[in-house]
Amino acid sequence: MLIVTGTAASAIRNLSCGPGLPGGAGMRIAPLDDDASLLAVTPAERPASTDEVVEAEGARVFLDSAAAAYLHDKVLDVRLDDQGAVSFLITAPTR
């Protein structure tokens, strides 16, 4: 299962409480343009019926089935740039 770091959970909570998003919203990870090697992270009101839902520290991540298969043994983290912009990172867990 995808591991979500505390920093990533905080960023997801902040990004998924934007205007027009209901309570229970989250971030959806899915292939970009049907290319499983490129993933897009976008705010989502709710998971799709086939999405896997990962919850961590009050944050919700909705994983498309192809993304879930790819991310099952990965860690989702974030990096903030000097202006505070969020970049999501996917890494292998440290052992």
C-alpha atoms as a PDB file:
ATOM      1  CA  MET A   1       0.000   0.000   0.000  1.00  0.00           C
ATOM      2  CA  LEU A   2       1.158   3.552  -0.719  1.00  0.00           C
ATOM      3  CA  ILE A   3       2.755   5.229   2.299  1.00  0.00           C
ATOM      4  CA  VAL A   4       1.893   8.923   2.700  1.00  0.00           C
ATOM      5  CA  THR A   5       4.370  10.986   4.727  1.00  0.00           C
ATOM      6  CA  GLY A   6       3.166  13.502   7.289  1.00  0.00           C
ATOM      7  CA  THR A   7       4.396  16.345   5.097  1.00  0.00           C
ATOM      8  CA  ALA A   8       2.490  14.974   2.106  1.00  0.00           C
ATOM      9  CA  ALA A   9      -0.650  14.483   4.226  1.00  0.00           C
ATOM     10  CA  SER A  10      -0.478  18.114   5.343  1.00  0.00           C
ATOM     11  CA  ALA A  11      -0.094  19.338   1.756  1.00  0.00           C
ATOM     12  CA  ILE A  12      -2.971  17.137   0.573  1.00  0.00           C
ATOM     13  CA  ARG A  13      -5.248  18.424   3.341  1.00  0.00           C
ATOM     14  CA  ASN A  14      -4.404  22.017   2.378  1.00  0.00           C
ATOM     15  CA  LEU A  15      -4.885  21.433  -1.351  1.00  0.00           C
ATOM     16  CA  SER A  16      -8.124  19.466  -1.003  1.00  0.00           C
ATOM     17  CA  CYS A  17      -9.949  22.024   1.118  1.00  0.00           C
ATOM     18  CA  GLY A  18     -10.018  24.621  -1.668  1.00  0.00           C
ATOM     19  CA  PRO A  19     -13.066  26.497  -2.873  1.00  0.00           C
ATOM     20  CA  GLY A  20     -15.717  24.283  -4.409  1.00  0.00           C
ATOM     21  CA  LEU A  21     -14.418  21.081  -2.826  1.00  0.00           C
ATOM     22  CA  PRO A  22     -16.689  19.355  -0.303  1.00  0.00           C
ATOM     23  CA  GLY A  23     -15.615  17.759   2.951  1.00  0.00           C
ATOM     24  CA  GLY A  24     -14.069  14.375   2.237  1.00  0.00           C
ATOM     25  CA  ALA A  25     -12.341  15.636  -0.891  1.00  0.00           C
ATOM     26  CA  GLY A  26      -8.811  14.502  -1.616  1.00  0.00           C
ATOM     27  CA  MET A  27      -6.138  14.239  -4.247  1.00  0.00           C
ATOM     28  CA  ARG A  28      -6.503  11.743  -7.108  1.00  0.00           C
ATOM     29  CA  ILE A  29      -3.485  10.071  -8.668  1.00  0.00           C
ATOM     30  CA  ALA A  30      -4.012   8.623 -12.123  1.00  0.00           C
ATOM     31  CA  PRO A  31      -2.016   8.068 -15.314  1.00  0.00           C
ATOM     32  CA  LEU A  32      -1.602  11.181 -17.422  1.00  0.00           C
ATOM     33  CA  ASP A  33      -3.152  10.699 -20.860  1.00  0.00           C
ATOM     34  CA  ASP A  34      -3.320   6.907 -20.431  1.00  0.00           C
ATOM     35  CA  ASP A  35       0.484   6.712 -20.034  1.00  0.00           C
ATOM     36  CA  ALA A  36       1.063   4.640 -16.898  1.00  0.00           C
ATOM     37  CA  SER A  37       4.637   5.940 -16.602  1.00  0.00           C
ATOM     38  CA  LEU A  38       3.412   9.539 -16.080  1.00  0.00           C
ATOM     39  CA  LEU A  39       1.128  10.272 -13.143  1.00  0.00           C
ATOM     40  CA  ALA A  40      -1.045  13.313 -12.523  1.00  0.00           C
ATOM     41  CA  VAL A  41      -2.095  14.490  -9.060  1.00  0.00           C
ATOM     42  CA  THR A  42      -5.304  16.533  -9.068  1.00  0.00           C
ATOM     43  CA  PRO A  43      -7.875  17.628  -6.472  1.00  0.00           C
ATOM     44  CA  ALA A  44     -10.992  15.450  -6.497  1.00  0.00           C
ATOM     45  CA  GLU A  45     -14.341  15.761  -4.755  1.00  0.00           C
ATOM     46  CA  ARG A  46     -14.617  11.998  -4.326  1.00  0.00           C
ATOM     47  CA  PRO A  47     -12.961   8.798  -5.516  1.00  0.00           C
ATOM     48  CA  ALA A  48     -14.073   7.103  -8.716  1.00  0.00           C
ATOM     49  CA  SER A  49     -15.958   3.865  -8.126  1.00  0.00           C
ATOM     50  CA  THR A  50     -12.862   1.781  -8.932  1.00  0.00           C
ATOM     51  CA  ASP A  51     -10.334   3.916  -7.030  1.00  0.00           C
ATOM     52  CA  GLU A  52      -8.382   2.643  -4.057  1.00  0.00           C
ATOM     53  CA  VAL A  53      -8.616   5.108  -1.150  1.00  0.00           C
ATOM     54  CA  VAL A  54      -5.627   5.710   1.105  1.00  0.00           C
ATOM     55  CA  GLU A  55      -6.157   7.799   4.233  1.00  0.00           C
ATOM     56  CA  ALA A  56      -3.317   9.241   6.290  1.00  0.00           C
ATOM     57  CA  GLU A  57      -3.461  11.861   9.025  1.00  0.00           C
ATOM     58  CA  GLY A  58      -6.784  13.214   7.776  1.00  0.00           C
ATOM     59  CA  ALA A  59      -5.712  13.337   4.124  1.00  0.00           C
ATOM     60  CA  ARG A  60      -7.382  11.269   1.429  1.00  0.00           C
ATOM     61  CA  VAL A  61      -5.633   9.968  -1.688  1.00  0.00           C
ATOM     62  CA  PHE A  62      -7.660   8.351  -4.457  1.00  0.00           C
ATOM     63  CA  LEU A  63      -5.635   5.960  -6.596  1.00  0.00           C
ATOM     64  CA  ASP A  64      -6.730   4.946 -10.071  1.00  0.00           C
ATOM     65  CA  SER A  65      -6.315   1.165 -10.435  1.00  0.00           C
ATOM     66  CA  ALA A  66      -3.245   1.516 -12.709  1.00  0.00           C
ATOM     67  CA  ALA A  67      -1.674   4.034 -10.309  1.00  0.00           C
ATOM     68  CA  ALA A  68      -2.472   1.810  -7.320  1.00  0.00           C
ATOM     69  CA  ALA A  69      -0.674  -1.118  -8.932  1.00  0.00           C
ATOM     70  CA  TYR A  70       2.395   1.019  -9.614  1.00  0.00           C
ATOM     71  CA  LEU A  71       2.401   2.752  -6.200  1.00  0.00           C
ATOM     72  CA  HIS A  72       1.624  -0.237  -3.950  1.00  0.00           C
ATOM     73  CA  ASP A  73       5.170  -0.288  -2.516  1.00  0.00           C
ATOM     74  CA  LYS A  74       6.071   3.409  -2.774  1.00  0.00           C
ATOM     75  CA  VAL A  75       6.162   6.500  -0.542  1.00  0.00           C
ATOM     76  CA  LEU A  76       4.360   9.747  -1.411  1.00  0.00           C
ATOM     77  CA  ASP A  77       6.185  12.826  -0.144  1.00  0.00           C
ATOM     78  CA  VAL A  78       6.390  16.499  -1.090  1.00  0.00           C
ATOM     79  CA  ARG A  79       9.013  19.100  -1.683  1.00  0.00           C
ATOM     80  CA  LEU A  80       8.334  22.815  -1.268  1.00  0.00           C
ATOM     81  CA  ASP A  81      10.257  25.306  -3.374  1.00  0.00           C
ATOM     82  CA  ASP A  82      11.383  28.743  -2.178  1.00  0.00           C
ATOM     83  CA  GLN A  83       7.957  30.207  -3.060  1.00  0.00           C
ATOM     84  CA  GLY A  84       6.074  27.459  -1.224  1.00  0.00           C
ATOM     85  CA  ALA A  85       4.895  25.610  -4.360  1.00  0.00           C
ATOM     86  CA  VAL A  86       4.283  21.906  -3.760  1.00  0.00           C
ATOM     87  CA  SER A  87       5.869  19.151  -5.853  1.00  0.00           C
ATOM     88  CA  PHE A  88       4.824  15.578  -5.125  1.00  0.00           C
ATOM     89  CA  LEU A  89       7.567  12.970  -5.033  1.00  0.00           C
ATOM     90  CA  ILE A  90       7.303   9.216  -5.270  1.00  0.00           C
ATOM     91  CA  THR A  91      10.151   7.236  -3.779  1.00  0.00           C
ATOM     92  CA  ALA A  92      10.975   3.730  -2.630  1.00  0.00           C
ATOM     93  CA  PRO A  93      10.644   3.194   1.125  1.00  0.00           C
ATOM     94  CA  THR A  94      13.849   3.264   3.162  1.00  0.00           C
ATOM     95  CA  ARG A  95      14.561   0.059   4.967  1.00  0.00           C
END
